[in-house]
Amino acid sequence: MKIGGLQKFSLIDYPGRISAVVFTQGCNFRCPYCHNPELVDPAQYGPLLPEEEVLSFLAKRRSKLDAVTVTGGEPTLQPDLERFLGEIKRMGYLAKIDTNGSMPGVLERLIRGRLIDYLAMDLKGPLEKYGKIAGAEVKPEKIRKSIELITQSGIEHEFRTTVVHSLLDFQDISIMSELLNKARLYVLQRFVPLKTLDKIFLTDASFSPKELSAFQKNRAGRRPRIILR
């Protein structure tokens, strides 16, 4: 596992649980608003953390932590992910994965292997806009397949979109909401331009809380349930 960082304590990354957060290095997307450029851009990579040190820390913290969240970067690119999650599960932890949904084959193996307890997938935009927003070539059928796998898995899950004003409008969000009509939860995240892969986006903005709340209210009673974060 290429581990680029470790957050030893988090109250927000695994809903309702105290977790550690493992950050994997490397991503196949280049979303310009990405807030973890040091995990995405090889020119900004820092030194890797030895996997054995991370596992040793987790082994010692079993009485203090409930869960481990594996994020990135994009965790599903890691060839050792299944083995790593197996180690986490053997320690008795709940395991959560944050993913961009580009590797449905990996997600299917994780689900079948019962290696994950919570799935969070970032939905970047309507499928026809994916390449522009992700900054990479994206096969829409893979995104659809990941959505289908997650919503049918029986595993706790959420989908989430970072709402960047220059890239998305409310029609786009409506289209994405319909795409997720079998999902449990859809999270709209306000874009906070503190650190970005493309520095131009440091001057971009999100929609206001009032605007997002109005959209949420207009879709009340329809699936998926929308929350703001």
C-alpha atoms as a PDB file:
ATOM      1  CA  MET A   1       0.000   0.000   0.000  1.00  0.00           C
ATOM      2  CA  LYS A   2       1.242   3.476  -0.894  1.00  0.00           C
ATOM      3  CA  ILE A   3       0.212   5.403   2.202  1.00  0.00           C
ATOM      4  CA  GLY A   4       0.703   9.141   1.935  1.00  0.00           C
ATOM      5  CA  GLY A   5      -0.721  10.114   5.302  1.00  0.00           C
ATOM      6  CA  LEU A   6      -2.413   9.024   8.511  1.00  0.00           C
ATOM      7  CA  GLN A   7      -4.916  10.972  10.603  1.00  0.00           C
ATOM      8  CA  LYS A   8      -4.914   9.257  13.953  1.00  0.00           C
ATOM      9  CA  PHE A   9      -8.297  10.476  15.173  1.00  0.00           C
ATOM     10  CA  SER A  10     -11.451  11.674  13.425  1.00  0.00           C
ATOM     11  CA  LEU A  11     -15.036  12.201  14.511  1.00  0.00           C
ATOM     12  CA  ILE A  12     -16.330  13.074  11.030  1.00  0.00           C
ATOM     13  CA  ASP A  13     -14.912  10.636   8.477  1.00  0.00           C
ATOM     14  CA  TYR A  14     -16.922   7.563   9.506  1.00  0.00           C
ATOM     15  CA  PRO A  15     -20.505   8.581  10.413  1.00  0.00           C
ATOM     16  CA  GLY A  16     -21.240   7.965  14.060  1.00  0.00           C
ATOM     17  CA  ARG A  17     -17.864   6.359  14.777  1.00  0.00           C
ATOM     18  CA  ILE A  18     -14.414   7.328  15.998  1.00  0.00           C
ATOM     19  CA  SER A  19     -11.985   6.483  13.227  1.00  0.00           C
ATOM     20  CA  ALA A  20      -8.454   6.749  11.995  1.00  0.00           C
ATOM     21  CA  VAL A  21      -8.015   7.897   8.397  1.00  0.00           C
ATOM     22  CA  VAL A  22      -5.488   6.312   6.027  1.00  0.00           C
ATOM     23  CA  PHE A  23      -4.653   8.413   2.955  1.00  0.00           C
ATOM     24  CA  THR A  24      -3.463   6.508  -0.102  1.00  0.00           C
ATOM     25  CA  GLN A  25      -1.134   8.152  -2.604  1.00  0.00           C
ATOM     26  CA  GLY A  26      -2.135   8.327  -6.281  1.00  0.00           C
ATOM     27  CA  CYS A  27      -5.295   9.083  -8.241  1.00  0.00           C
ATOM     28  CA  ASN A  28      -6.510   8.536 -11.797  1.00  0.00           C
ATOM     29  CA  PHE A  29      -8.596  11.740 -11.760  1.00  0.00           C
ATOM     30  CA  ARG A  30      -7.344  15.316 -11.861  1.00  0.00           C
ATOM     31  CA  CYS A  31     -10.308  17.256 -10.487  1.00  0.00           C
ATOM     32  CA  PRO A  32      -9.066  20.860 -10.505  1.00  0.00           C
ATOM     33  CA  TYR A  33     -10.754  21.675  -7.182  1.00  0.00           C
ATOM     34  CA  CYS A  34      -9.239  18.647  -5.387  1.00  0.00           C
ATOM     35  CA  HIS A  35      -8.312  19.555  -1.795  1.00  0.00           C
ATOM     36  CA  ASN A  36      -5.614  16.853  -1.513  1.00  0.00           C
ATOM     37  CA  PRO A  37      -3.216  17.782  -4.359  1.00  0.00           C
ATOM     38  CA  GLU A  38      -0.262  16.255  -2.506  1.00  0.00           C
ATOM     39  CA  LEU A  39      -1.931  12.828  -2.920  1.00  0.00           C
ATOM     40  CA  VAL A  40      -2.842  13.348  -6.592  1.00  0.00           C
ATOM     41  CA  ASP A  41      -0.024  15.244  -8.321  1.00  0.00           C
ATOM     42  CA  PRO A  42       3.227  13.226  -8.438  1.00  0.00           C
ATOM     43  CA  ALA A  43       5.199  16.468  -8.353  1.00  0.00           C
ATOM     44  CA  GLN A  44       3.747  17.157  -4.906  1.00  0.00           C
ATOM     45  CA  TYR A  45       4.092  13.670  -3.425  1.00  0.00           C
ATOM     46  CA  GLY A  46       5.649  13.464   0.005  1.00  0.00           C
ATOM     47  CA  PRO A  47       7.407  10.473   1.589  1.00  0.00           C
ATOM     48  CA  LEU A  48       5.360   7.317   2.085  1.00  0.00           C
ATOM     49  CA  LEU A  49       4.487   5.966   5.506  1.00  0.00           C
ATOM     50  CA  PRO A  50       5.569   2.361   6.006  1.00  0.00           C
ATOM     51  CA  GLU A  51       2.502   0.137   6.020  1.00  0.00           C
ATOM     52  CA  GLU A  52       3.793  -1.843   8.995  1.00  0.00           C
ATOM     53  CA  GLU A  53       3.944   1.353  11.069  1.00  0.00           C
ATOM     54  CA  VAL A  54       0.341   2.196  10.226  1.00  0.00           C
ATOM     55  CA  LEU A  55      -0.856  -1.321  11.058  1.00  0.00           C
ATOM     56  CA  SER A  56       1.156  -1.288  14.289  1.00  0.00           C
ATOM     57  CA  PHE A  57      -0.503   1.977  15.307  1.00  0.00           C
ATOM     58  CA  LEU A  58      -3.964   0.568  14.538  1.00  0.00           C
ATOM     59  CA  ALA A  59      -3.243  -2.613  16.491  1.00  0.00           C
ATOM     60  CA  LYS A  60      -2.356  -0.531  19.557  1.00  0.00           C
ATOM     61  CA  ARG A  61      -5.446   1.689  19.262  1.00  0.00           C
ATOM     62  CA  ARG A  62      -8.111  -0.997  19.083  1.00  0.00           C
ATOM     63  CA  SER A  63      -9.598   0.009  22.430  1.00  0.00           C
ATOM     64  CA  LYS A  64      -9.763   3.692  21.420  1.00  0.00           C
ATOM     65  CA  LEU A  65     -10.998   3.582  17.822  1.00  0.00           C
ATOM     66  CA  ASP A  66     -14.059   2.003  16.196  1.00  0.00           C
ATOM     67  CA  ALA A  67     -13.197   2.222  12.523  1.00  0.00           C
ATOM     68  CA  VAL A  68     -10.675   2.941   9.800  1.00  0.00           C
ATOM     69  CA  THR A  69     -11.457   5.085   6.783  1.00  0.00           C
ATOM     70  CA  VAL A  70      -9.308   4.517   3.697  1.00  0.00           C
ATOM     71  CA  THR A  71      -9.327   7.501   1.367  1.00  0.00           C
ATOM     72  CA  GLY A  72      -6.983   9.202  -1.047  1.00  0.00           C
ATOM     73  CA  GLY A  73      -6.098   9.842  -3.675  1.00  0.00           C
ATOM     74  CA  GLU A  74      -8.053   6.861  -4.966  1.00  0.00           C
ATOM     75  CA  PRO A  75      -7.773   3.745  -2.765  1.00  0.00           C
ATOM     76  CA  THR A  76      -9.094   1.308  -5.382  1.00  0.00           C
ATOM     77  CA  LEU A  77      -5.923   1.844  -7.447  1.00  0.00           C
ATOM     78  CA  GLN A  78      -3.869   0.186  -4.716  1.00  0.00           C
ATOM     79  CA  PRO A  79      -3.085  -3.445  -5.655  1.00  0.00           C
ATOM     80  CA  ASP A  80      -2.765  -4.390  -1.960  1.00  0.00           C
ATOM     81  CA  LEU A  81      -6.061  -2.820  -0.867  1.00  0.00           C
ATOM     82  CA  GLU A  82      -7.899  -6.104  -0.273  1.00  0.00           C
ATOM     83  CA  ARG A  83      -5.077  -7.495   1.822  1.00  0.00           C
ATOM     84  CA  PHE A  84      -4.829  -4.252   3.814  1.00  0.00           C
ATOM     85  CA  LEU A  85      -8.563  -4.195   4.504  1.00  0.00           C
ATOM     86  CA  GLY A  86      -8.358  -7.827   5.558  1.00  0.00           C
ATOM     87  CA  GLU A  87      -5.773  -6.834   8.168  1.00  0.00           C
ATOM     88  CA  ILE A  88      -8.043  -4.054   9.415  1.00  0.00           C
ATOM     89  CA  LYS A  89     -11.029  -6.367   9.671  1.00  0.00           C
ATOM     90  CA  ARG A  90      -8.997  -8.999  11.540  1.00  0.00           C
ATOM     91  CA  MET A  91      -8.232  -6.355  14.150  1.00  0.00           C
ATOM     92  CA  GLY A  92     -11.974  -5.955  14.665  1.00  0.00           C
ATOM     93  CA  TYR A  93     -12.341  -2.550  13.024  1.00  0.00           C
ATOM     94  CA  LEU A  94     -15.177  -1.333  10.853  1.00  0.00           C
ATOM     95  CA  ALA A  95     -13.812  -0.318   7.452  1.00  0.00           C
ATOM     96  CA  LYS A  96     -14.901   2.539   5.208  1.00  0.00           C
ATOM     97  CA  ILE A  97     -13.732   3.343   1.689  1.00  0.00           C
ATOM     98  CA  ASP A  98     -13.924   6.712  -0.067  1.00  0.00           C
ATOM     99  CA  THR A  99     -13.840   6.224  -3.844  1.00  0.00           C
ATOM    100  CA  ASN A 100     -14.372   8.023  -7.132  1.00  0.00           C
ATOM    101  CA  GLY A 101     -16.189   4.964  -8.512  1.00  0.00           C
ATOM    102  CA  SER A 102     -13.878   4.464 -11.485  1.00  0.00           C
ATOM    103  CA  MET A 103     -12.958   0.874 -10.540  1.00  0.00           C
ATOM    104  CA  PRO A 104     -16.221  -1.084 -10.170  1.00  0.00           C
ATOM    105  CA  GLY A 105     -14.414  -4.417 -10.459  1.00  0.00           C
ATOM    106  CA  VAL A 106     -12.451  -3.652  -7.313  1.00  0.00           C
ATOM    107  CA  LEU A 107     -15.578  -2.483  -5.495  1.00  0.00           C
ATOM    108  CA  GLU A 108     -17.339  -5.703  -6.420  1.00  0.00           C
ATOM    109  CA  ARG A 109     -14.520  -7.796  -4.927  1.00  0.00           C
ATOM    110  CA  LEU A 110     -14.514  -5.739  -1.732  1.00  0.00           C
ATOM    111  CA  ILE A 111     -18.272  -6.114  -1.372  1.00  0.00           C
ATOM    112  CA  ARG A 112     -18.235  -9.847  -2.066  1.00  0.00           C
ATOM    113  CA  GLY A 113     -15.321 -10.332   0.314  1.00  0.00           C
ATOM    114  CA  ARG A 114     -17.183  -8.474   3.076  1.00  0.00           C
ATOM    115  CA  LEU A 115     -14.184  -6.245   3.536  1.00  0.00           C
ATOM    116  CA  ILE A 116     -16.068  -2.971   3.894  1.00  0.00           C
ATOM    117  CA  ASP A 117     -18.819  -1.709   6.178  1.00  0.00           C
ATOM    118  CA  TYR A 118     -19.396   1.742   4.681  1.00  0.00           C
ATOM    119  CA  LEU A 119     -18.954   3.060   1.136  1.00  0.00           C
ATOM    120  CA  ALA A 120     -18.722   6.713   0.146  1.00  0.00           C
ATOM    121  CA  MET A 121     -18.557   7.561  -3.549  1.00  0.00           C
ATOM    122  CA  ASP A 122     -17.887  10.986  -5.003  1.00  0.00           C
ATOM    123  CA  LEU A 123     -20.182  11.772  -7.918  1.00  0.00           C
ATOM    124  CA  LYS A 124     -18.413  14.488  -9.858  1.00  0.00           C
ATOM    125  CA  GLY A 125     -21.223  15.632 -12.123  1.00  0.00           C
ATOM    126  CA  PRO A 126     -23.675  14.486 -14.797  1.00  0.00           C
ATOM    127  CA  LEU A 127     -22.149  11.644 -16.805  1.00  0.00           C
ATOM    128  CA  GLU A 128     -21.820  13.739 -19.952  1.00  0.00           C
ATOM    129  CA  LYS A 129     -19.664  16.272 -18.023  1.00  0.00           C
ATOM    130  CA  TYR A 130     -17.468  13.781 -16.222  1.00  0.00           C
ATOM    131  CA  GLY A 131     -14.331  14.116 -18.330  1.00  0.00           C
ATOM    132  CA  LYS A 132     -14.267  17.897 -17.986  1.00  0.00           C
ATOM    133  CA  ILE A 133     -14.859  17.899 -14.241  1.00  0.00           C
ATOM    134  CA  ALA A 134     -12.575  14.954 -13.427  1.00  0.00           C
ATOM    135  CA  GLY A 135      -9.805  16.234 -15.689  1.00  0.00           C
ATOM    136  CA  ALA A 136      -9.358  12.743 -17.108  1.00  0.00           C
ATOM    137  CA  GLU A 137     -10.894  10.288 -19.532  1.00  0.00           C
ATOM    138  CA  VAL A 138     -13.763   8.584 -17.719  1.00  0.00           C
ATOM    139  CA  LYS A 139     -15.976   5.753 -18.947  1.00  0.00           C
ATOM    140  CA  PRO A 140     -19.545   6.618 -17.896  1.00  0.00           C
ATOM    141  CA  GLU A 141     -20.526   2.942 -17.821  1.00  0.00           C
ATOM    142  CA  LYS A 142     -18.009   2.365 -15.014  1.00  0.00           C
ATOM    143  CA  ILE A 143     -19.538   5.151 -12.950  1.00  0.00           C
ATOM    144  CA  ARG A 144     -23.024   3.710 -13.544  1.00  0.00           C
ATOM    145  CA  LYS A 145     -21.811   0.243 -12.585  1.00  0.00           C
ATOM    146  CA  SER A 146     -20.284   1.506  -9.333  1.00  0.00           C
ATOM    147  CA  ILE A 147     -23.524   3.294  -8.438  1.00  0.00           C
ATOM    148  CA  GLU A 148     -25.460   0.101  -9.094  1.00  0.00           C
ATOM    149  CA  LEU A 149     -23.049  -2.043  -7.053  1.00  0.00           C
ATOM    150  CA  ILE A 150     -23.142   0.303  -4.089  1.00  0.00           C
ATOM    151  CA  THR A 151     -26.900   0.838  -4.003  1.00  0.00           C
ATOM    152  CA  GLN A 152     -27.568  -2.899  -4.289  1.00  0.00           C
ATOM    153  CA  SER A 153     -24.853  -3.999  -1.851  1.00  0.00           C
ATOM    154  CA  GLY A 154     -26.839  -3.766   1.356  1.00  0.00           C
ATOM    155  CA  ILE A 155     -23.869  -1.881   2.829  1.00  0.00           C
ATOM    156  CA  GLU A 156     -24.273   1.511   4.455  1.00  0.00           C
ATOM    157  CA  HIS A 157     -23.377   4.122   1.884  1.00  0.00           C
ATOM    158  CA  GLU A 158     -23.495   7.684   0.733  1.00  0.00           C
ATOM    159  CA  PHE A 159     -22.856   9.536  -2.488  1.00  0.00           C
ATOM    160  CA  ARG A 160     -21.523  13.048  -2.396  1.00  0.00           C
ATOM    161  CA  THR A 161     -20.841  15.948  -4.713  1.00  0.00           C
ATOM    162  CA  THR A 162     -18.618  18.940  -4.072  1.00  0.00           C
ATOM    163  CA  VAL A 163     -20.644  21.806  -5.496  1.00  0.00           C
ATOM    164  CA  VAL A 164     -18.236  24.100  -7.362  1.00  0.00           C
ATOM    165  CA  HIS A 165     -20.024  27.099  -8.848  1.00  0.00           C
ATOM    166  CA  SER A 166     -18.077  27.260 -12.123  1.00  0.00           C
ATOM    167  CA  LEU A 167     -18.543  23.550 -12.882  1.00  0.00           C
ATOM    168  CA  LEU A 168     -22.096  22.705 -11.783  1.00  0.00           C
ATOM    169  CA  ASP A 169     -25.538  24.259 -11.695  1.00  0.00           C
ATOM    170  CA  PHE A 170     -28.786  23.144 -10.079  1.00  0.00           C
ATOM    171  CA  GLN A 171     -29.936  21.392 -13.237  1.00  0.00           C
ATOM    172  CA  ASP A 172     -26.769  19.289 -13.028  1.00  0.00           C
ATOM    173  CA  ILE A 173     -27.496  18.463  -9.388  1.00  0.00           C
ATOM    174  CA  SER A 174     -31.056  17.468 -10.296  1.00  0.00           C
ATOM    175  CA  ILE A 175     -29.740  15.140 -13.005  1.00  0.00           C
ATOM    176  CA  MET A 176     -27.344  13.557 -10.511  1.00  0.00           C
ATOM    177  CA  SER A 177     -30.110  13.184  -7.946  1.00  0.00           C
ATOM    178  CA  GLU A 178     -32.185  11.235 -10.459  1.00  0.00           C
ATOM    179  CA  LEU A 179     -29.185   9.047 -11.263  1.00  0.00           C
ATOM    180  CA  LEU A 180     -29.042   8.209  -7.543  1.00  0.00           C
ATOM    181  CA  ASN A 181     -32.745   7.453  -7.095  1.00  0.00           C
ATOM    182  CA  LYS A 182     -31.962   4.110  -5.429  1.00  0.00           C
ATOM    183  CA  ALA A 183     -29.323   5.511  -3.089  1.00  0.00           C
ATOM    184  CA  ARG A 184     -29.710   5.867   0.652  1.00  0.00           C
ATOM    185  CA  LEU A 185     -28.086   9.263   1.008  1.00  0.00           C
ATOM    186  CA  TYR A 186     -26.770  12.072  -1.191  1.00  0.00           C
ATOM    187  CA  VAL A 187     -24.485  14.652   0.385  1.00  0.00           C
ATOM    188  CA  LEU A 188     -24.004  18.080  -1.177  1.00  0.00           C
ATOM    189  CA  GLN A 189     -20.686  19.477   0.006  1.00  0.00           C
ATOM    190  CA  ARG A 190     -19.947  23.167  -0.159  1.00  0.00           C
ATOM    191  CA  PHE A 191     -16.687  23.916  -1.940  1.00  0.00           C
ATOM    192  CA  VAL A 192     -14.187  25.609   0.369  1.00  0.00           C
ATOM    193  CA  PRO A 193     -11.228  26.906  -1.702  1.00  0.00           C
ATOM    194  CA  LEU A 194      -8.441  26.643   0.845  1.00  0.00           C
ATOM    195  CA  LYS A 195      -6.210  24.276  -1.159  1.00  0.00           C
ATOM    196  CA  THR A 196      -6.753  23.075  -4.729  1.00  0.00           C
ATOM    197  CA  LEU A 197      -4.969  21.096  -7.426  1.00  0.00           C
ATOM    198  CA  ASP A 198      -5.506  23.935  -9.918  1.00  0.00           C
ATOM    199  CA  LYS A 199      -4.760  27.247  -8.206  1.00  0.00           C
ATOM    200  CA  ILE A 200      -7.261  29.046 -10.441  1.00  0.00           C
ATOM    201  CA  PHE A 201      -9.974  27.393  -8.343  1.00  0.00           C
ATOM    202  CA  LEU A 202      -8.751  29.164  -5.221  1.00  0.00           C
ATOM    203  CA  THR A 203     -10.885  32.077  -6.401  1.00  0.00           C
ATOM    204  CA  ASP A 204     -13.933  29.938  -7.216  1.00  0.00           C
ATOM    205  CA  ALA A 205     -16.954  29.566  -4.965  1.00  0.00           C
ATOM    206  CA  SER A 206     -19.740  27.270  -3.884  1.00  0.00           C
ATOM    207  CA  PHE A 207     -23.442  27.940  -3.842  1.00  0.00           C
ATOM    208  CA  SER A 208     -24.646  29.692  -0.715  1.00  0.00           C
ATOM    209  CA  PRO A 209     -26.137  27.688   2.169  1.00  0.00           C
ATOM    210  CA  LYS A 210     -29.465  29.368   1.409  1.00  0.00           C
ATOM    211  CA  GLU A 211     -29.395  28.209  -2.224  1.00  0.00           C
ATOM    212  CA  LEU A 212     -28.466  24.651  -1.305  1.00  0.00           C
ATOM    213  CA  SER A 213     -31.109  24.548   1.431  1.00  0.00           C
ATOM    214  CA  ALA A 214     -33.760  25.644  -1.068  1.00  0.00           C
ATOM    215  CA  PHE A 215     -32.739  22.845  -3.451  1.00  0.00           C
ATOM    216  CA  GLN A 216     -32.813  20.339  -0.591  1.00  0.00           C
ATOM    217  CA  LYS A 217     -36.304  21.495   0.420  1.00  0.00           C
ATOM    218  CA  ASN A 218     -37.603  21.242  -3.154  1.00  0.00           C
ATOM    219  CA  ARG A 219     -36.589  17.578  -3.271  1.00  0.00           C
ATOM    220  CA  ALA A 220     -37.924  16.672   0.166  1.00  0.00           C
ATOM    221  CA  GLY A 221     -39.702  13.317   0.193  1.00  0.00           C
ATOM    222  CA  ARG A 222     -37.917  12.024  -2.897  1.00  0.00           C
ATOM    223  CA  ARG A 223     -35.001   9.634  -3.117  1.00  0.00           C
ATOM    224  CA  PRO A 224     -32.214   9.977  -2.416  1.00  0.00           C
ATOM    225  CA  ARG A 225     -32.385  11.815   0.882  1.00  0.00           C
ATOM    226  CA  ILE A 226     -30.222  14.916   0.550  1.00  0.00           C
ATOM    227  CA  ILE A 227     -28.173  16.445   3.318  1.00  0.00           C
ATOM    228  CA  LEU A 228     -25.818  19.416   3.267  1.00  0.00           C
ATOM    229  CA  ARG A 229     -22.301  19.290   4.601  1.00  0.00           C
END
